[in-house]
Amino acid sequence: MSCSSGSKIPEDADPENPLWHFACRFWESPRAQEMCLELQSRGWSVTRILCAIWLASSGYRFTGRESRSVTDWRSQVTGPLRSARKYITKTNPHTAMVRECIARSELEAERVELALAYQSLVSDTNTGSSEEPTASLARNNLLAAAPEGNMDNGTGRLLDTLARELSILAKGDNGPC
């Protein structure tokens, strides 16, 4: 990756956007965290999951399409940071500080990724509103976010749980994180 590649990131991609605030609130649920991380271990993008769920919470469909800036950022920045963090064992005191720094950088990279996704989603004229119940819309949006069309029953249960978590969040406090 060249040093100038960061210039491809729009300067108006605001990391303090409604999608980020929603992600913070949603992540407060240990169950949602667990489901998202399990899906990530199965090849899913947590950013795509959060986009799908956020759109459903607002009554919008997720097409599953992403802007090139989001996918490029994920493959060039977020993904490599995640790989580096996972490579370093949690139990080695000699590498704990490095792992911690990488984990913080990974979180900031995810924040930028969500800023790019937000910018793309709000300008996407193909994201239509829906009258579907939130849980049903969330499930359909999650299916659009899937890395592949085929999924096993376990993945389906994870999606159902995430849809229920969204319903719980929708009934609770929606203040900023």
C-alpha atoms as a PDB file:
ATOM      1  CA  MET A   1       0.000   0.000   0.000  1.00  0.00           C
ATOM      2  CA  SER A   2       1.418   3.377  -0.925  1.00  0.00           C
ATOM      3  CA  CYS A   3       1.576   6.210   1.580  1.00  0.00           C
ATOM      4  CA  SER A   4      -0.669   8.376  -0.568  1.00  0.00           C
ATOM      5  CA  SER A   5      -3.588   5.923  -0.527  1.00  0.00           C
ATOM      6  CA  GLY A   6      -5.123   7.712   2.491  1.00  0.00           C
ATOM      7  CA  SER A   7      -5.816  10.664   0.229  1.00  0.00           C
ATOM      8  CA  LYS A   8      -8.608   8.563  -1.323  1.00  0.00           C
ATOM      9  CA  ILE A   9     -10.576   8.943   1.907  1.00  0.00           C
ATOM     10  CA  PRO A  10     -12.921  11.930   1.632  1.00  0.00           C
ATOM     11  CA  GLU A  11     -12.142  14.606   4.172  1.00  0.00           C
ATOM     12  CA  ASP A  12     -15.843  15.068   4.874  1.00  0.00           C
ATOM     13  CA  ALA A  13     -16.250  11.453   6.065  1.00  0.00           C
ATOM     14  CA  ASP A  14     -17.317  12.332   9.609  1.00  0.00           C
ATOM     15  CA  PRO A  15     -16.445   9.650  12.191  1.00  0.00           C
ATOM     16  CA  GLU A  16     -19.039  11.167  14.572  1.00  0.00           C
ATOM     17  CA  ASN A  17     -22.085  10.168  12.531  1.00  0.00           C
ATOM     18  CA  PRO A  18     -25.422   8.521  13.385  1.00  0.00           C
ATOM     19  CA  LEU A  19     -24.216   5.093  12.208  1.00  0.00           C
ATOM     20  CA  TRP A  20     -21.235   5.237  14.591  1.00  0.00           C
ATOM     21  CA  HIS A  21     -23.463   6.287  17.491  1.00  0.00           C
ATOM     22  CA  PHE A  22     -25.894   3.480  16.688  1.00  0.00           C
ATOM     23  CA  ALA A  23     -22.996   0.988  16.521  1.00  0.00           C
ATOM     24  CA  CYS A  24     -21.820   2.102  19.970  1.00  0.00           C
ATOM     25  CA  ARG A  25     -25.294   1.576  21.447  1.00  0.00           C
ATOM     26  CA  PHE A  26     -25.789  -1.759  19.699  1.00  0.00           C
ATOM     27  CA  TRP A  27     -22.345  -2.975  20.816  1.00  0.00           C
ATOM     28  CA  GLU A  28     -23.303  -2.367  24.446  1.00  0.00           C
ATOM     29  CA  SER A  29     -25.390  -5.536  24.237  1.00  0.00           C
ATOM     30  CA  PRO A  30     -23.140  -8.496  25.115  1.00  0.00           C
ATOM     31  CA  ARG A  31     -25.456 -10.729  23.073  1.00  0.00           C
ATOM     32  CA  ALA A  32     -25.134  -8.497  19.981  1.00  0.00           C
ATOM     33  CA  GLN A  33     -21.341  -8.466  20.393  1.00  0.00           C
ATOM     34  CA  GLU A  34     -21.234 -12.224  20.674  1.00  0.00           C
ATOM     35  CA  MET A  35     -23.412 -12.736  17.579  1.00  0.00           C
ATOM     36  CA  CYS A  36     -21.459 -10.198  15.491  1.00  0.00           C
ATOM     37  CA  LEU A  37     -18.107 -11.711  16.453  1.00  0.00           C
ATOM     38  CA  GLU A  38     -19.377 -15.223  15.730  1.00  0.00           C
ATOM     39  CA  LEU A  39     -20.544 -14.086  12.293  1.00  0.00           C
ATOM     40  CA  GLN A  40     -17.175 -12.392  11.763  1.00  0.00           C
ATOM     41  CA  SER A  41     -15.458 -15.706  12.498  1.00  0.00           C
ATOM     42  CA  ARG A  42     -17.638 -17.163   9.715  1.00  0.00           C
ATOM     43  CA  GLY A  43     -16.403 -14.589   7.189  1.00  0.00           C
ATOM     44  CA  TRP A  44     -18.936 -11.795   7.712  1.00  0.00           C
ATOM     45  CA  SER A  45     -18.017  -8.113   7.925  1.00  0.00           C
ATOM     46  CA  VAL A  46     -19.154  -6.526  11.182  1.00  0.00           C
ATOM     47  CA  THR A  47     -19.378  -3.199   9.352  1.00  0.00           C
ATOM     48  CA  ARG A  48     -21.838  -4.690   6.861  1.00  0.00           C
ATOM     49  CA  ILE A  49     -23.804  -6.233   9.752  1.00  0.00           C
ATOM     50  CA  LEU A  50     -23.987  -2.882  11.544  1.00  0.00           C
ATOM     51  CA  CYS A  51     -25.035  -1.081   8.353  1.00  0.00           C
ATOM     52  CA  ALA A  52     -27.798  -3.619   7.734  1.00  0.00           C
ATOM     53  CA  ILE A  53     -29.074  -3.400  11.311  1.00  0.00           C
ATOM     54  CA  TRP A  54     -28.841   0.410  11.430  1.00  0.00           C
ATOM     55  CA  LEU A  55     -30.815   0.774   8.215  1.00  0.00           C
ATOM     56  CA  ALA A  56     -33.457  -1.629   9.545  1.00  0.00           C
ATOM     57  CA  SER A  57     -33.721   0.402  12.747  1.00  0.00           C
ATOM     58  CA  SER A  58     -34.658   3.391  10.582  1.00  0.00           C
ATOM     59  CA  GLY A  59     -37.036   1.402   8.381  1.00  0.00           C
ATOM     60  CA  TYR A  60     -34.758   1.156   5.330  1.00  0.00           C
ATOM     61  CA  ARG A  61     -33.655  -1.744   3.174  1.00  0.00           C
ATOM     62  CA  PHE A  62     -29.980  -2.631   2.741  1.00  0.00           C
ATOM     63  CA  THR A  63     -29.085  -3.460  -0.846  1.00  0.00           C
ATOM     64  CA  GLY A  64     -25.843  -5.151   0.152  1.00  0.00           C
ATOM     65  CA  ARG A  65     -23.835  -2.908  -2.159  1.00  0.00           C
ATOM     66  CA  GLU A  66     -20.869  -1.047  -0.728  1.00  0.00           C
ATOM     67  CA  SER A  67     -18.811   1.784  -2.070  1.00  0.00           C
ATOM     68  CA  ARG A  68     -15.320   0.982  -3.253  1.00  0.00           C
ATOM     69  CA  SER A  69     -13.873   3.261  -0.560  1.00  0.00           C
ATOM     70  CA  VAL A  70     -15.415   1.042   2.144  1.00  0.00           C
ATOM     71  CA  THR A  71     -14.193  -2.238   0.674  1.00  0.00           C
ATOM     72  CA  ASP A  72     -10.743  -0.792  -0.082  1.00  0.00           C
ATOM     73  CA  TRP A  73     -10.400   0.574   3.462  1.00  0.00           C
ATOM     74  CA  ARG A  74     -11.486  -2.762   4.921  1.00  0.00           C
ATOM     75  CA  SER A  75      -9.041  -4.774   2.813  1.00  0.00           C
ATOM     76  CA  GLN A  76      -6.108  -2.364   3.108  1.00  0.00           C
ATOM     77  CA  VAL A  77      -6.459  -1.105   6.691  1.00  0.00           C
ATOM     78  CA  THR A  78      -9.047  -2.731   8.982  1.00  0.00           C
ATOM     79  CA  GLY A  79      -8.421  -6.316   7.866  1.00  0.00           C
ATOM     80  CA  PRO A  80      -4.627  -6.205   8.182  1.00  0.00           C
ATOM     81  CA  LEU A  81      -4.868  -4.585  11.625  1.00  0.00           C
ATOM     82  CA  ARG A  82      -7.292  -7.319  12.733  1.00  0.00           C
ATOM     83  CA  SER A  83      -4.936  -9.999  11.402  1.00  0.00           C
ATOM     84  CA  ALA A  84      -1.982  -8.444  13.231  1.00  0.00           C
ATOM     85  CA  ARG A  85      -3.929  -8.246  16.498  1.00  0.00           C
ATOM     86  CA  LYS A  86      -5.055 -11.861  16.219  1.00  0.00           C
ATOM     87  CA  TYR A  87      -1.511 -12.977  15.447  1.00  0.00           C
ATOM     88  CA  ILE A  88      -0.241 -11.625  18.767  1.00  0.00           C
ATOM     89  CA  THR A  89      -1.195 -13.822  21.689  1.00  0.00           C
ATOM     90  CA  LYS A  90      -3.153 -12.247  24.547  1.00  0.00           C
ATOM     91  CA  THR A  91      -1.077 -13.964  27.213  1.00  0.00           C
ATOM     92  CA  ASN A  92       2.440 -12.795  26.321  1.00  0.00           C
ATOM     93  CA  PRO A  93       3.392  -9.882  28.610  1.00  0.00           C
ATOM     94  CA  HIS A  94       6.223  -8.888  26.252  1.00  0.00           C
ATOM     95  CA  THR A  95       3.835  -8.174  23.386  1.00  0.00           C
ATOM     96  CA  ALA A  96       0.796  -7.011  25.367  1.00  0.00           C
ATOM     97  CA  MET A  97       1.410  -3.312  24.712  1.00  0.00           C
ATOM     98  CA  VAL A  98       1.832  -3.874  20.967  1.00  0.00           C
ATOM     99  CA  ARG A  99      -1.381  -5.897  20.853  1.00  0.00           C
ATOM    100  CA  GLU A 100      -3.228  -3.223  22.821  1.00  0.00           C
ATOM    101  CA  CYS A 101      -2.032  -0.459  20.471  1.00  0.00           C
ATOM    102  CA  ILE A 102      -3.061  -2.477  17.442  1.00  0.00           C
ATOM    103  CA  ALA A 103      -6.481  -3.161  19.003  1.00  0.00           C
ATOM    104  CA  ARG A 104      -7.023   0.586  19.538  1.00  0.00           C
ATOM    105  CA  SER A 105      -5.906   1.265  15.956  1.00  0.00           C
ATOM    106  CA  GLU A 106      -8.261  -1.445  14.697  1.00  0.00           C
ATOM    107  CA  LEU A 107     -11.178   0.208  16.491  1.00  0.00           C
ATOM    108  CA  GLU A 108     -10.303   3.596  14.956  1.00  0.00           C
ATOM    109  CA  ALA A 109     -10.014   1.934  11.531  1.00  0.00           C
ATOM    110  CA  GLU A 110     -13.487   0.467  12.030  1.00  0.00           C
ATOM    111  CA  ARG A 111     -14.727   3.921  12.948  1.00  0.00           C
ATOM    112  CA  VAL A 112     -13.370   5.328   9.679  1.00  0.00           C
ATOM    113  CA  GLU A 113     -14.876   2.373   7.819  1.00  0.00           C
ATOM    114  CA  LEU A 114     -18.278   3.148   9.346  1.00  0.00           C
ATOM    115  CA  ALA A 115     -17.852   6.839   8.438  1.00  0.00           C
ATOM    116  CA  LEU A 116     -17.221   5.840   4.832  1.00  0.00           C
ATOM    117  CA  ALA A 117     -20.181   3.449   4.910  1.00  0.00           C
ATOM    118  CA  TYR A 118     -22.441   6.122   6.403  1.00  0.00           C
ATOM    119  CA  GLN A 119     -21.444   8.613   3.736  1.00  0.00           C
ATOM    120  CA  SER A 120     -22.213   6.058   1.049  1.00  0.00           C
ATOM    121  CA  LEU A 121     -25.506   4.900   2.570  1.00  0.00           C
ATOM    122  CA  VAL A 122     -26.998   8.368   2.982  1.00  0.00           C
ATOM    123  CA  SER A 123     -26.203   9.203  -0.633  1.00  0.00           C
ATOM    124  CA  ASP A 124     -27.502   5.861  -2.004  1.00  0.00           C
ATOM    125  CA  THR A 125     -30.733   6.560  -3.844  1.00  0.00           C
ATOM    126  CA  ASN A 126     -31.444   2.818  -4.114  1.00  0.00           C
ATOM    127  CA  THR A 127     -31.920   2.349  -0.366  1.00  0.00           C
ATOM    128  CA  GLY A 128     -35.708   2.425  -0.120  1.00  0.00           C
ATOM    129  CA  SER A 129     -37.933   2.608   2.909  1.00  0.00           C
ATOM    130  CA  SER A 130     -39.959  -0.376   3.978  1.00  0.00           C
ATOM    131  CA  GLU A 131     -43.142  -0.969   5.943  1.00  0.00           C
ATOM    132  CA  GLU A 132     -41.882  -4.355   7.194  1.00  0.00           C
ATOM    133  CA  PRO A 133     -41.708  -4.965  10.952  1.00  0.00           C
ATOM    134  CA  THR A 134     -38.235  -4.071  12.272  1.00  0.00           C
ATOM    135  CA  ALA A 135     -37.191  -7.645  13.114  1.00  0.00           C
ATOM    136  CA  SER A 136     -38.224  -8.924   9.684  1.00  0.00           C
ATOM    137  CA  LEU A 137     -36.519  -6.021   7.909  1.00  0.00           C
ATOM    138  CA  ALA A 138     -33.387  -6.586  10.001  1.00  0.00           C
ATOM    139  CA  ARG A 139     -33.292 -10.261   9.025  1.00  0.00           C
ATOM    140  CA  ASN A 140     -33.716  -9.420   5.333  1.00  0.00           C
ATOM    141  CA  ASN A 141     -31.065  -6.698   5.551  1.00  0.00           C
ATOM    142  CA  LEU A 142     -28.697  -9.142   7.222  1.00  0.00           C
ATOM    143  CA  LEU A 143     -29.297 -11.615   4.404  1.00  0.00           C
ATOM    144  CA  ALA A 144     -28.290  -8.838   1.972  1.00  0.00           C
ATOM    145  CA  ALA A 145     -25.112  -8.314   4.030  1.00  0.00           C
ATOM    146  CA  ALA A 146     -24.174 -11.995   3.876  1.00  0.00           C
ATOM    147  CA  PRO A 147     -20.819 -12.847   2.310  1.00  0.00           C
ATOM    148  CA  GLU A 148     -22.502 -15.707   0.427  1.00  0.00           C
ATOM    149  CA  GLY A 149     -25.995 -16.877  -0.410  1.00  0.00           C
ATOM    150  CA  ASN A 150     -25.826 -20.263   1.306  1.00  0.00           C
ATOM    151  CA  MET A 151     -25.926 -20.427   5.057  1.00  0.00           C
ATOM    152  CA  ASP A 152     -26.410 -23.111   7.633  1.00  0.00           C
ATOM    153  CA  ASN A 153     -29.006 -23.239  10.395  1.00  0.00           C
ATOM    154  CA  GLY A 154     -26.500 -21.935  12.957  1.00  0.00           C
ATOM    155  CA  THR A 155     -25.935 -18.776  10.929  1.00  0.00           C
ATOM    156  CA  GLY A 156     -29.681 -18.351  10.560  1.00  0.00           C
ATOM    157  CA  ARG A 157     -30.063 -18.525  14.347  1.00  0.00           C
ATOM    158  CA  LEU A 158     -27.363 -15.866  14.746  1.00  0.00           C
ATOM    159  CA  LEU A 159     -29.253 -13.586  12.350  1.00  0.00           C
ATOM    160  CA  ASP A 160     -32.505 -14.144  14.246  1.00  0.00           C
ATOM    161  CA  THR A 161     -30.775 -13.271  17.512  1.00  0.00           C
ATOM    162  CA  LEU A 162     -29.343 -10.061  16.038  1.00  0.00           C
ATOM    163  CA  ALA A 163     -32.780  -9.097  14.736  1.00  0.00           C
ATOM    164  CA  ARG A 164     -34.215  -9.637  18.243  1.00  0.00           C
ATOM    165  CA  GLU A 165     -31.405  -7.564  19.775  1.00  0.00           C
ATOM    166  CA  LEU A 166     -32.334  -4.732  17.427  1.00  0.00           C
ATOM    167  CA  SER A 167     -35.961  -4.989  18.562  1.00  0.00           C
ATOM    168  CA  ILE A 168     -34.805  -4.723  22.180  1.00  0.00           C
ATOM    169  CA  LEU A 169     -32.639  -1.698  21.369  1.00  0.00           C
ATOM    170  CA  ALA A 170     -35.490  -0.052  19.480  1.00  0.00           C
ATOM    171  CA  LYS A 171     -37.675  -0.273  22.624  1.00  0.00           C
ATOM    172  CA  GLY A 172     -34.935   1.066  24.905  1.00  0.00           C
ATOM    173  CA  ASP A 173     -32.923   4.260  25.200  1.00  0.00           C
ATOM    174  CA  ASN A 174     -31.702   5.538  21.849  1.00  0.00           C
ATOM    175  CA  GLY A 175     -29.455   8.309  23.187  1.00  0.00           C
ATOM    176  CA  PRO A 176     -25.927   8.748  21.841  1.00  0.00           C
ATOM    177  CA  CYS A 177     -23.193   6.551  23.288  1.00  0.00           C
END
